[in-house]
Amino acid sequence: MKYILLLIPCIIALWAPLYNSITPTLLGFPFFYWFQLVMIPVSALFIAAAHAMRAK
């Protein structure tokens, strides 16, 4: 189960057609850029959850 938690953000980040668009913009940044920036803390949460499952 913990490996699935590690794979989810990797698959989302590598699936470029999912976020290959300009709209919607956030503070002037196209979706393509701010989605990748949002994926950094989201990936960190998934990694923390996988680590917490390992610590049990």
PDB file of N, CA and C in Angstrom:
ATOM      1  N   MET A   1       0.811  -1.192   0.000  1.00  0.00           N
ATOM      2  CA  MET A   1       0.000   0.000   0.000  1.00  0.00           C
ATOM      3  C   MET A   1       0.864   1.271   0.000  1.00  0.00           C
ATOM      4  N   LYS A   2       1.963   1.215   0.757  1.00  0.00           N
ATOM      5  CA  LYS A   2       2.800   2.410   0.834  1.00  0.00           C
ATOM      6  C   LYS A   2       3.451   2.730  -0.502  1.00  0.00           C
ATOM      7  N   TYR A   3       3.704   1.716  -1.308  1.00  0.00           N
ATOM      8  CA  TYR A   3       4.307   1.964  -2.617  1.00  0.00           C
ATOM      9  C   TYR A   3       3.310   2.616  -3.574  1.00  0.00           C
ATOM     10  N   ILE A   4       2.040   2.318  -3.407  1.00  0.00           N
ATOM     11  CA  ILE A   4       1.010   2.975  -4.211  1.00  0.00           C
ATOM     12  C   ILE A   4       0.979   4.460  -3.876  1.00  0.00           C
ATOM     13  N   LEU A   5       1.130   4.789  -2.591  1.00  0.00           N
ATOM     14  CA  LEU A   5       1.172   6.193  -2.193  1.00  0.00           C
ATOM     15  C   LEU A   5       2.355   6.917  -2.818  1.00  0.00           C
ATOM     16  N   LEU A   6       3.445   6.228  -3.036  1.00  0.00           N
ATOM     17  CA  LEU A   6       4.608   6.842  -3.671  1.00  0.00           C
ATOM     18  C   LEU A   6       4.446   6.937  -5.190  1.00  0.00           C
ATOM     19  N   LEU A   7       3.689   6.032  -5.772  1.00  0.00           N
ATOM     20  CA  LEU A   7       3.501   6.037  -7.223  1.00  0.00           C
ATOM     21  C   LEU A   7       2.496   7.083  -7.695  1.00  0.00           C
ATOM     22  N   ILE A   8       1.501   7.373  -6.887  1.00  0.00           N
ATOM     23  CA  ILE A   8       0.437   8.295  -7.308  1.00  0.00           C
ATOM     24  C   ILE A   8       0.982   9.655  -7.720  1.00  0.00           C
ATOM     25  N   PRO A   9       1.764  10.358  -6.893  1.00  0.00           N
ATOM     26  CA  PRO A   9       2.253  11.669  -7.350  1.00  0.00           C
ATOM     27  C   PRO A   9       3.223  11.567  -8.530  1.00  0.00           C
ATOM     28  N   CYS A  10       3.951  10.477  -8.621  1.00  0.00           N
ATOM     29  CA  CYS A  10       4.864  10.306  -9.766  1.00  0.00           C
ATOM     30  C   CYS A  10       4.084  10.164 -11.065  1.00  0.00           C
ATOM     31  N   ILE A  11       3.048   9.371 -11.046  1.00  0.00           N
ATOM     32  CA  ILE A  11       2.244   9.174 -12.251  1.00  0.00           C
ATOM     33  C   ILE A  11       1.549  10.475 -12.645  1.00  0.00           C
ATOM     34  N   ILE A  12       1.016  11.193 -11.666  1.00  0.00           N
ATOM     35  CA  ILE A  12       0.340  12.457 -11.964  1.00  0.00           C
ATOM     36  C   ILE A  12       1.327  13.463 -12.544  1.00  0.00           C
ATOM     37  N   ALA A  13       2.518  13.553 -11.976  1.00  0.00           N
ATOM     38  CA  ALA A  13       3.506  14.518 -12.460  1.00  0.00           C
ATOM     39  C   ALA A  13       4.038  14.156 -13.847  1.00  0.00           C
ATOM     40  N   LEU A  14       4.108  12.880 -14.161  1.00  0.00           N
ATOM     41  CA  LEU A  14       4.623  12.461 -15.465  1.00  0.00           C
ATOM     42  C   LEU A  14       3.557  12.432 -16.556  1.00  0.00           C
ATOM     43  N   TRP A  15       2.283  12.536 -16.170  1.00  0.00           N
ATOM     44  CA  TRP A  15       1.180  12.497 -17.119  1.00  0.00           C
ATOM     45  C   TRP A  15       0.916  13.914 -17.624  1.00  0.00           C
ATOM     46  N   ALA A  16       1.764  14.397 -18.505  1.00  0.00           N
ATOM     47  CA  ALA A  16       1.743  15.784 -18.980  1.00  0.00           C
ATOM     48  C   ALA A  16       0.434  16.205 -19.649  1.00  0.00           C
ATOM     49  N   PRO A  17      -0.267  15.372 -20.412  1.00  0.00           N
ATOM     50  CA  PRO A  17      -1.532  15.831 -20.992  1.00  0.00           C
ATOM     51  C   PRO A  17      -2.564  16.261 -19.935  1.00  0.00           C
ATOM     52  N   LEU A  18      -2.406  15.807 -18.724  1.00  0.00           N
ATOM     53  CA  LEU A  18      -3.326  16.194 -17.651  1.00  0.00           C
ATOM     54  C   LEU A  18      -3.248  17.686 -17.366  1.00  0.00           C
ATOM     55  N   TYR A  19      -2.076  18.265 -17.406  1.00  0.00           N
ATOM     56  CA  TYR A  19      -1.916  19.670 -17.041  1.00  0.00           C
ATOM     57  C   TYR A  19      -1.299  20.509 -18.164  1.00  0.00           C
ATOM     58  N   ASN A  20      -1.367  20.031 -19.382  1.00  0.00           N
ATOM     59  CA  ASN A  20      -0.801  20.754 -20.522  1.00  0.00           C
ATOM     60  C   ASN A  20      -1.811  21.768 -21.065  1.00  0.00           C
ATOM     61  N   SER A  21      -2.010  22.857 -20.304  1.00  0.00           N
ATOM     62  CA  SER A  21      -2.893  23.929 -20.753  1.00  0.00           C
ATOM     63  C   SER A  21      -2.460  25.242 -20.117  1.00  0.00           C
ATOM     64  N   ILE A  22      -2.951  26.317 -20.664  1.00  0.00           N
ATOM     65  CA  ILE A  22      -2.609  27.636 -20.140  1.00  0.00           C
ATOM     66  C   ILE A  22      -3.646  28.094 -19.126  1.00  0.00           C
ATOM     67  N   THR A  23      -4.908  27.831 -19.411  1.00  0.00           N
ATOM     68  CA  THR A  23      -5.971  28.253 -18.499  1.00  0.00           C
ATOM     69  C   THR A  23      -6.309  27.109 -17.568  1.00  0.00           C
ATOM     70  N   PRO A  24      -6.683  27.324 -16.359  1.00  0.00           N
ATOM     71  CA  PRO A  24      -6.864  28.592 -15.667  1.00  0.00           C
ATOM     72  C   PRO A  24      -5.526  29.132 -15.152  1.00  0.00           C
ATOM     73  N   THR A  25      -5.427  30.422 -15.055  1.00  0.00           N
ATOM     74  CA  THR A  25      -4.217  31.035 -14.520  1.00  0.00           C
ATOM     75  C   THR A  25      -4.412  31.338 -13.044  1.00  0.00           C
ATOM     76  N   LEU A  26      -3.330  31.364 -12.321  1.00  0.00           N
ATOM     77  CA  LEU A  26      -3.347  31.677 -10.896  1.00  0.00           C
ATOM     78  C   LEU A  26      -2.256  32.703 -10.641  1.00  0.00           C
ATOM     79  N   LEU A  27      -2.655  33.916 -10.293  1.00  0.00           N
ATOM     80  CA  LEU A  27      -1.730  35.025 -10.058  1.00  0.00           C
ATOM     81  C   LEU A  27      -0.844  35.276 -11.280  1.00  0.00           C
ATOM     82  N   GLY A  28      -1.407  35.082 -12.455  1.00  0.00           N
ATOM     83  CA  GLY A  28      -0.672  35.313 -13.687  1.00  0.00           C
ATOM     84  C   GLY A  28       0.128  34.124 -14.194  1.00  0.00           C
ATOM     85  N   PHE A  29       0.205  33.062 -13.405  1.00  0.00           N
ATOM     86  CA  PHE A  29       0.932  31.866 -13.830  1.00  0.00           C
ATOM     87  C   PHE A  29      -0.006  30.942 -14.592  1.00  0.00           C
ATOM     88  N   PRO A  30       0.404  30.428 -15.750  1.00  0.00           N
ATOM     89  CA  PRO A  30      -0.419  29.456 -16.468  1.00  0.00           C
ATOM     90  C   PRO A  30      -0.553  28.167 -15.655  1.00  0.00           C
ATOM     91  N   PHE A  31      -1.614  27.447 -15.940  1.00  0.00           N
ATOM     92  CA  PHE A  31      -1.905  26.202 -15.226  1.00  0.00           C
ATOM     93  C   PHE A  31      -0.723  25.240 -15.265  1.00  0.00           C
ATOM     94  N   PHE A  32      -0.041  25.171 -16.402  1.00  0.00           N
ATOM     95  CA  PHE A  32       1.091  24.260 -16.557  1.00  0.00           C
ATOM     96  C   PHE A  32       2.136  24.459 -15.463  1.00  0.00           C
ATOM     97  N   TYR A  33       2.411  25.727 -15.110  1.00  0.00           N
ATOM     98  CA  TYR A  33       3.444  26.013 -14.112  1.00  0.00           C
ATOM     99  C   TYR A  33       2.932  25.865 -12.683  1.00  0.00           C
ATOM    100  N   TRP A  34       1.747  26.435 -12.394  1.00  0.00           N
ATOM    101  CA  TRP A  34       1.336  26.378 -10.995  1.00  0.00           C
ATOM    102  C   TRP A  34       0.895  24.981 -10.574  1.00  0.00           C
ATOM    103  N   PHE A  35       0.458  24.153 -11.512  1.00  0.00           N
ATOM    104  CA  PHE A  35       0.134  22.774 -11.156  1.00  0.00           C
ATOM    105  C   PHE A  35       1.386  22.029 -10.700  1.00  0.00           C
ATOM    106  N   GLN A  36       2.494  22.257 -11.401  1.00  0.00           N
ATOM    107  CA  GLN A  36       3.742  21.603 -11.008  1.00  0.00           C
ATOM    108  C   GLN A  36       4.226  22.105  -9.652  1.00  0.00           C
ATOM    109  N   LEU A  37       4.022  23.395  -9.389  1.00  0.00           N
ATOM    110  CA  LEU A  37       4.406  23.936  -8.085  1.00  0.00           C
ATOM    111  C   LEU A  37       3.522  23.388  -6.967  1.00  0.00           C
ATOM    112  N   VAL A  38       2.260  23.162  -7.250  1.00  0.00           N
ATOM    113  CA  VAL A  38       1.354  22.579  -6.253  1.00  0.00           C
ATOM    114  C   VAL A  38       1.707  21.113  -6.001  1.00  0.00           C
ATOM    115  N   MET A  39       2.207  20.437  -7.024  1.00  0.00           N
ATOM    116  CA  MET A  39       2.550  19.020  -6.869  1.00  0.00           C
ATOM    117  C   MET A  39       3.712  18.790  -5.902  1.00  0.00           C
ATOM    118  N   ILE A  40       4.536  19.798  -5.651  1.00  0.00           N
ATOM    119  CA  ILE A  40       5.659  19.625  -4.730  1.00  0.00           C
ATOM    120  C   ILE A  40       5.163  19.342  -3.306  1.00  0.00           C
ATOM    121  N   PRO A  41       4.303  20.197  -2.700  1.00  0.00           N
ATOM    122  CA  PRO A  41       3.830  19.865  -1.354  1.00  0.00           C
ATOM    123  C   PRO A  41       2.890  18.658  -1.333  1.00  0.00           C
ATOM    124  N   VAL A  42       2.139  18.455  -2.414  1.00  0.00           N
ATOM    125  CA  VAL A  42       1.265  17.279  -2.477  1.00  0.00           C
ATOM    126  C   VAL A  42       2.113  16.008  -2.456  1.00  0.00           C
ATOM    127  N   SER A  43       3.186  15.986  -3.216  1.00  0.00           N
ATOM    128  CA  SER A  43       4.092  14.835  -3.217  1.00  0.00           C
ATOM    129  C   SER A  43       4.712  14.635  -1.844  1.00  0.00           C
ATOM    130  N   ALA A  44       5.056  15.729  -1.186  1.00  0.00           N
ATOM    131  CA  ALA A  44       5.622  15.629   0.165  1.00  0.00           C
ATOM    132  C   ALA A  44       4.614  15.003   1.129  1.00  0.00           C
ATOM    133  N   LEU A  45       3.343  15.340   0.989  1.00  0.00           N
ATOM    134  CA  LEU A  45       2.313  14.733   1.850  1.00  0.00           C
ATOM    135  C   LEU A  45       2.183  13.238   1.584  1.00  0.00           C
ATOM    136  N   PHE A  46       2.240  12.844   0.326  1.00  0.00           N
ATOM    137  CA  PHE A  46       2.170  11.419  -0.002  1.00  0.00           C
ATOM    138  C   PHE A  46       3.392  10.682   0.537  1.00  0.00           C
ATOM    139  N   ILE A  47       4.550  11.287   0.450  1.00  0.00           N
ATOM    140  CA  ILE A  47       5.769  10.664   0.979  1.00  0.00           C
ATOM    141  C   ILE A  47       5.687  10.543   2.500  1.00  0.00           C
ATOM    142  N   ALA A  48       5.169  11.580   3.163  1.00  0.00           N
ATOM    143  CA  ALA A  48       5.008  11.534   4.617  1.00  0.00           C
ATOM    144  C   ALA A  48       4.026  10.464   5.026  1.00  0.00           C
ATOM    145  N   ALA A  49       2.951  10.309   4.267  1.00  0.00           N
ATOM    146  CA  ALA A  49       1.970   9.256   4.571  1.00  0.00           C
ATOM    147  C   ALA A  49       2.580   7.871   4.382  1.00  0.00           C
ATOM    148  N   ALA A  50       3.367   7.685   3.340  1.00  0.00           N
ATOM    149  CA  ALA A  50       4.033   6.396   3.126  1.00  0.00           C
ATOM    150  C   ALA A  50       5.032   6.111   4.238  1.00  0.00           C
ATOM    151  N   HIS A  51       5.720   7.137   4.675  1.00  0.00           N
ATOM    152  CA  HIS A  51       6.681   6.965   5.770  1.00  0.00           C
ATOM    153  C   HIS A  51       5.959   6.628   7.068  1.00  0.00           C
ATOM    154  N   ALA A  52       4.817   7.261   7.309  1.00  0.00           N
ATOM    155  CA  ALA A  52       4.050   6.968   8.526  1.00  0.00           C
ATOM    156  C   ALA A  52       3.544   5.531   8.510  1.00  0.00           C
ATOM    157  N   MET A  53       3.192   5.029   7.339  1.00  0.00           N
ATOM    158  CA  MET A  53       2.756   3.642   7.245  1.00  0.00           C
ATOM    159  C   MET A  53       3.918   2.683   7.513  1.00  0.00           C
ATOM    160  N   ARG A  54       5.126   3.094   7.131  1.00  0.00           N
ATOM    161  CA  ARG A  54       6.301   2.269   7.364  1.00  0.00           C
ATOM    162  C   ARG A  54       6.670   2.240   8.851  1.00  0.00           C
ATOM    163  N   ALA A  55       6.418   3.336   9.545  1.00  0.00           N
ATOM    164  CA  ALA A  55       6.807   3.451  10.946  1.00  0.00           C
ATOM    165  C   ALA A  55       5.931   2.603  11.862  1.00  0.00           C
ATOM    166  N   LYS A  56       4.781   2.147  11.381  1.00  0.00           N
ATOM    167  CA  LYS A  56       3.874   1.348  12.230  1.00  0.00           C
ATOM    168  C   LYS A  56       4.445  -0.010  12.508  1.00  0.00           C
TER     169      LYS A  56
END
